Amino acid sequence: MTFDIVTIFPAMIAQALAAGVLGRAIERGLLNVTVRDLRDFTTDRHRVVDDVPYGGGPGMVLKPDPIFRALDAIELERGERGRPSAVILTSPQGARFTQADAKRLSGLESVVVLCGRYEGVDERVRERVTEELSIGDYVLTGGELPALVIVDAVARNVPGVVGDEDSVTHDSFSRGLLDFPQFTRPQEITTRHAGVAGVRGGGQVLSVPDVLLSGNHAEIRRWRKREALARTLARRPDLLVGATLDEEEREILLELQKEEGRMKKLEAQKVGE
């Protein structure tokens, strides 16, 4: 899969791509990522990529012509393969980026990501954009971090990028559920409350749940399903509306919802006493 990232801070992107899973995938040729400096597509000696907005107002706006030249250069390099499969603009006005988007985009042959900056881009740039994406309801100083988030999430779904593909299948949000709790060695660990570091003795012993040590795979599987559903119900109940659940999970969810109802009823009774 091919990514082209257009930015005015190429070093910010390149450094992040050199490490971890993405770095190894690029080395192995599973991903082809080209970081393009938008200033390389200017025609003035000062390499200006922004200007004041027409009509007045604060801040600066990214000029359309360097972006158009960058997109033209990418298309020219592609030759007979034609235009990229998608041209994404990172923008607070974009649709919320989701795991479903990551899976969808991972099936494309080539993706261009335009990193927004300042007050945004000249509106005419959107004529060359296939979609706008936002990673959340907040504003960042630029689109470089969202671009990295998008590339990372998409790349995880490209076959071979993550060594254990079963891990990707069970990622949070893959079926509309948060992930179940994970534990590793040691089996027990003692921790102290914040603010008493260095105090001898005491402390709380935190243990791995017994079911995970039982060796009973059926019980472990059910425990993980229950914990994933419980966590989703408590933290992101909105996800359950579109979640893909099997029959066992639907039964567990019904049990959890009944328990939640009983707890709320008890709390209401205590308040009334």
Protein backbone atom coordinates (compact mmCIF):
# COMPACT_ATOMS: atom_id res chain seq x y z
CA MET A 1 0.00 0.00 0.00
CA THR A 2 1.20 3.51 -0.86
CA PHE A 3 0.86 6.68 1.22
CA ASP A 4 1.86 10.20 0.20
CA ILE A 5 1.83 12.73 3.04
CA VAL A 6 1.99 16.42 2.10
CA THR A 7 3.15 18.67 4.94
CA ILE A 8 5.19 21.77 5.77
CA PHE A 9 6.92 19.83 8.56
CA PRO A 10 8.29 16.68 6.87
CA ALA A 11 10.77 15.93 9.68
CA MET A 12 7.88 15.66 12.13
CA ILE A 13 6.36 12.89 10.00
CA ALA A 14 9.55 11.11 8.96
CA GLN A 15 10.81 10.64 12.51
CA ALA A 16 7.59 9.00 13.67
CA LEU A 17 7.50 6.66 10.65
CA ALA A 18 11.00 5.36 11.35
CA ALA A 19 10.06 3.54 14.55
CA GLY A 20 8.00 0.55 15.65
CA VAL A 21 5.57 -1.44 13.54
CA LEU A 22 5.34 1.17 10.78
CA GLY A 23 9.11 1.45 10.48
CA ARG A 24 9.48 -2.33 10.12
CA ALA A 25 6.62 -2.51 7.59
CA ILE A 26 8.27 0.20 5.47
CA GLU A 27 11.63 -1.60 5.62
CA ARG A 28 9.99 -4.83 4.49
CA GLY A 29 8.22 -3.12 1.60
CA LEU A 30 4.71 -3.75 2.92
CA LEU A 31 4.13 0.01 3.04
CA ASN A 32 5.49 2.64 0.69
CA VAL A 33 5.32 6.04 2.41
CA THR A 34 6.56 9.22 0.75
CA VAL A 35 6.67 12.42 2.82
CA ARG A 36 6.47 15.51 0.62
CA ASP A 37 7.45 19.00 1.73
CA LEU A 38 4.76 21.40 0.52
CA ARG A 39 7.40 24.14 0.22
CA ASP A 40 9.05 22.16 -2.58
CA PHE A 41 6.01 22.99 -4.71
CA THR A 42 6.22 26.76 -4.39
CA THR A 43 7.62 29.02 -7.13
CA ASP A 44 8.89 32.03 -5.15
CA ARG A 45 12.33 32.24 -3.59
CA HIS A 46 10.89 32.51 -0.08
CA ARG A 47 8.91 29.27 -0.54
CA VAL A 48 5.70 30.82 0.82
CA VAL A 49 2.83 28.39 1.36
CA ASP A 50 0.33 30.64 3.18
CA ASP A 51 -1.30 34.04 2.89
CA VAL A 52 -3.80 36.28 4.67
CA PRO A 53 -7.49 35.41 4.20
CA TYR A 54 -9.63 37.42 1.81
CA GLY A 55 -12.20 39.42 3.75
CA GLY A 56 -9.88 39.83 6.72
CA GLY A 57 -9.69 37.89 9.93
CA PRO A 58 -7.02 36.31 12.14
CA GLY A 59 -4.39 33.82 11.10
CA MET A 60 -3.15 32.58 7.75
CA VAL A 61 -4.54 30.22 5.13
CA LEU A 62 -2.64 27.59 3.12
CA LYS A 63 -2.47 28.66 -0.54
CA PRO A 64 -4.11 26.38 -3.12
CA ASP A 65 -1.46 26.45 -5.86
CA PRO A 66 1.37 24.63 -3.99
CA ILE A 67 -1.11 21.94 -2.95
CA PHE A 68 -2.36 21.55 -6.53
CA ARG A 69 1.23 21.23 -7.76
CA ALA A 70 1.94 18.59 -5.13
CA LEU A 71 -1.11 16.59 -6.20
CA ASP A 72 -0.16 16.99 -9.88
CA ALA A 73 3.33 15.69 -9.13
CA ILE A 74 1.95 12.66 -7.30
CA GLU A 75 -0.38 11.86 -10.21
CA LEU A 76 2.45 12.31 -12.72
CA GLU A 77 4.65 9.87 -10.80
CA ARG A 78 1.83 7.33 -10.78
CA GLY A 79 1.70 7.42 -14.58
CA GLU A 80 -0.71 4.89 -16.04
CA ARG A 81 -2.01 3.96 -12.59
CA GLY A 82 -3.90 7.26 -12.64
CA ARG A 83 -5.12 9.26 -9.70
CA PRO A 84 -4.63 8.08 -6.12
CA SER A 85 -7.44 5.99 -4.68
CA ALA A 86 -8.16 8.67 -2.05
CA VAL A 87 -7.04 12.20 -1.25
CA ILE A 88 -7.69 12.94 2.42
CA LEU A 89 -7.60 16.37 4.03
CA THR A 90 -7.10 16.40 7.79
CA SER A 91 -9.55 18.95 9.12
CA PRO A 92 -11.66 19.71 12.23
CA GLN A 93 -14.60 19.98 9.81
CA GLY A 94 -14.09 16.41 8.61
CA ALA A 95 -16.05 13.28 9.50
CA ARG A 96 -14.91 11.49 12.65
CA PHE A 97 -12.24 8.92 11.78
CA THR A 98 -13.24 5.43 12.95
CA GLN A 99 -11.98 1.87 12.91
CA ALA A 100 -14.39 1.22 10.04
CA ASP A 101 -12.65 3.97 8.05
CA ALA A 102 -9.27 2.43 8.84
CA LYS A 103 -10.40 -0.94 7.49
CA ARG A 104 -11.98 0.63 4.41
CA LEU A 105 -8.91 2.69 3.53
CA SER A 106 -6.58 -0.30 4.08
CA GLY A 107 -8.18 -1.92 1.04
CA LEU A 108 -7.12 0.93 -1.25
CA GLU A 109 -4.00 0.88 -3.40
CA SER A 110 -2.88 4.46 -2.69
CA VAL A 111 -3.83 7.24 -0.27
CA VAL A 112 -2.70 10.88 -0.20
CA VAL A 113 -2.98 12.78 3.10
CA LEU A 114 -2.90 16.58 3.04
CA CYS A 115 -1.92 18.06 6.41
CA GLY A 116 -3.93 21.17 7.20
CA ARG A 117 -2.35 24.11 9.05
CA TYR A 118 -3.09 27.56 10.41
CA GLU A 119 -6.71 28.63 9.82
CA GLY A 120 -7.09 25.87 7.23
CA VAL A 121 -6.69 25.55 3.48
CA ASP A 122 -8.08 27.62 0.64
CA GLU A 123 -11.60 26.29 0.01
CA ARG A 124 -10.76 25.50 -3.62
CA VAL A 125 -8.41 22.73 -2.49
CA ARG A 126 -11.48 20.70 -1.61
CA GLU A 127 -12.15 20.26 -5.33
CA ARG A 128 -9.22 17.80 -5.36
CA VAL A 129 -10.07 16.13 -2.05
CA THR A 130 -12.12 12.92 -1.88
CA GLU A 131 -12.80 13.12 1.86
CA GLU A 132 -12.06 15.12 4.98
CA LEU A 133 -11.29 13.37 8.25
CA SER A 134 -11.00 14.51 11.85
CA ILE A 135 -9.57 12.44 14.72
CA GLY A 136 -11.69 14.18 17.36
CA ASP A 137 -13.69 17.20 18.41
CA TYR A 138 -10.75 19.43 19.21
CA VAL A 139 -8.32 21.64 17.31
CA LEU A 140 -4.60 20.91 16.94
CA THR A 141 -1.83 23.19 15.70
CA GLY A 142 -1.68 21.21 12.46
CA GLY A 143 -2.66 18.08 10.60
CA GLU A 144 0.60 16.17 11.05
CA LEU A 145 -0.49 14.28 14.17
CA PRO A 146 -3.88 13.36 12.64
CA ALA A 147 -2.07 12.21 9.49
CA LEU A 148 0.15 9.92 11.56
CA VAL A 149 -2.88 8.59 13.43
CA ILE A 150 -4.67 7.82 10.18
CA VAL A 151 -1.64 6.13 8.59
CA ASP A 152 -0.96 4.08 11.71
CA ALA A 153 -4.57 2.90 12.09
CA VAL A 154 -4.91 2.10 8.38
CA ALA A 155 -1.55 0.32 8.18
CA ARG A 156 -2.46 -2.04 11.04
CA ASN A 157 -5.15 -3.49 8.78
CA VAL A 158 -2.81 -4.11 5.85
CA PRO A 159 -1.96 -7.85 5.77
CA GLY A 160 1.47 -8.60 7.17
CA VAL A 161 2.07 -5.25 8.86
CA VAL A 162 1.20 -6.56 12.32
CA GLY A 163 2.93 -9.85 13.02
CA ASP A 164 -0.02 -11.43 14.84
CA GLU A 165 -3.02 -10.72 12.61
CA ASP A 166 -5.32 -12.26 15.22
CA SER A 167 -4.38 -9.29 17.40
CA VAL A 168 -5.81 -6.91 14.80
CA THR A 169 -9.01 -8.95 14.57
CA HIS A 170 -9.59 -8.52 18.30
CA ASP A 171 -8.63 -4.84 18.53
CA SER A 172 -10.97 -2.47 20.34
CA PHE A 173 -13.75 -1.19 18.02
CA SER A 174 -13.24 -4.03 15.51
CA ARG A 175 -16.70 -5.41 16.35
CA GLY A 176 -18.04 -2.35 18.13
CA LEU A 177 -16.66 -3.35 21.54
CA LEU A 178 -13.81 -2.12 23.70
CA ASP A 179 -11.09 -4.66 24.44
CA PHE A 180 -11.14 -6.89 27.52
CA PRO A 181 -8.54 -6.34 30.31
CA GLN A 182 -5.07 -7.72 29.64
CA PHE A 183 -2.61 -9.10 32.23
CA THR A 184 0.95 -10.43 32.17
CA ARG A 185 3.64 -11.44 34.68
CA PRO A 186 4.09 -11.13 37.62
CA GLN A 187 1.01 -12.85 38.98
CA GLU A 188 0.93 -10.47 41.96
CA ILE A 189 2.28 -6.96 42.43
CA THR A 190 2.24 -4.68 45.45
CA THR A 191 1.52 -1.02 44.96
CA ARG A 192 1.24 1.94 47.30
CA HIS A 193 -1.19 4.81 47.17
CA ALA A 194 -0.01 8.00 45.50
CA GLY A 195 1.88 10.34 47.75
CA VAL A 196 3.44 7.73 50.06
CA ALA A 197 6.38 6.61 47.94
CA GLY A 198 9.26 5.51 50.12
CA VAL A 199 7.05 4.49 53.05
CA ARG A 200 7.95 0.98 54.18
CA GLY A 201 5.35 -1.73 54.64
CA GLY A 202 1.69 -1.71 53.74
CA GLY A 203 0.50 -1.41 50.18
CA GLN A 204 -2.16 -3.09 48.10
CA VAL A 205 -1.64 -6.46 46.43
CA LEU A 206 -2.98 -6.56 42.89
CA SER A 207 -3.49 -10.04 41.44
CA VAL A 208 -4.26 -11.53 38.05
CA PRO A 209 -7.87 -12.87 37.94
CA ASP A 210 -7.96 -16.58 38.85
CA VAL A 211 -9.86 -17.51 35.70
CA LEU A 212 -6.88 -16.51 33.52
CA LEU A 213 -4.68 -18.93 35.46
CA SER A 214 -7.17 -21.80 35.37
CA GLY A 215 -6.24 -23.22 31.98
CA ASN A 216 -9.98 -23.56 31.23
CA HIS A 217 -10.16 -21.99 27.78
CA ALA A 218 -13.95 -22.00 27.65
CA GLU A 219 -14.17 -20.06 30.92
CA ILE A 220 -11.42 -17.68 29.84
CA ARG A 221 -13.23 -17.00 26.56
CA ARG A 222 -16.51 -16.27 28.38
CA TRP A 223 -14.74 -14.08 30.97
CA ARG A 224 -13.14 -12.02 28.22
CA LYS A 225 -16.46 -11.59 26.45
CA ARG A 226 -18.13 -10.49 29.68
CA GLU A 227 -15.35 -8.05 30.57
CA ALA A 228 -15.34 -6.53 27.09
CA LEU A 229 -19.10 -6.05 27.21
CA ALA A 230 -19.01 -4.70 30.77
CA ARG A 231 -16.28 -2.21 29.89
CA THR A 232 -18.14 -1.07 26.77
CA LEU A 233 -21.43 -0.75 28.67
CA ALA A 234 -19.75 1.35 31.36
CA ARG A 235 -17.53 3.54 29.18
CA ARG A 236 -18.98 3.64 25.67
CA PRO A 237 -22.57 2.36 25.70
CA ASP A 238 -23.13 4.16 22.38
CA LEU A 239 -20.94 1.55 20.66
CA LEU A 240 -23.34 -1.24 21.55
CA VAL A 241 -25.96 0.12 19.15
CA GLY A 242 -23.95 -1.04 16.14
CA ALA A 243 -21.92 -3.81 17.75
CA THR A 244 -21.75 -7.26 16.16
CA LEU A 245 -22.59 -9.73 18.94
CA ASP A 246 -22.99 -13.49 18.90
CA GLU A 247 -25.76 -15.25 20.83
CA GLU A 248 -23.60 -15.79 23.93
CA GLU A 249 -22.61 -12.12 24.00
CA ARG A 250 -26.23 -11.02 23.69
CA GLU A 251 -27.10 -13.18 26.70
CA ILE A 252 -24.19 -11.75 28.70
CA LEU A 253 -25.17 -8.19 27.75
CA LEU A 254 -28.73 -8.83 28.94
CA GLU A 255 -27.36 -10.10 32.28
CA LEU A 256 -25.15 -7.03 32.63
CA GLN A 257 -27.99 -4.66 31.83
CA LYS A 258 -30.20 -6.34 34.43
CA GLU A 259 -27.41 -6.06 37.01
CA GLU A 260 -26.97 -2.39 36.12
CA GLY A 261 -30.71 -1.85 36.56
CA ARG A 262 -30.67 -3.50 39.99
CA MET A 263 -27.70 -1.38 41.09
CA LYS A 264 -29.41 1.82 40.02
CA LYS A 265 -32.56 0.78 41.86
CA LEU A 266 -30.59 0.12 45.06
CA GLU A 267 -28.81 3.47 44.77
CA ALA A 268 -32.14 5.23 44.32
CA GLN A 269 -33.50 3.52 47.43
CA LYS A 270 -30.47 4.60 49.48
CA VAL A 271 -30.90 8.19 48.36
CA GLY A 272 -34.55 8.07 49.38
CA GLU A 273 -33.82 6.76 52.88
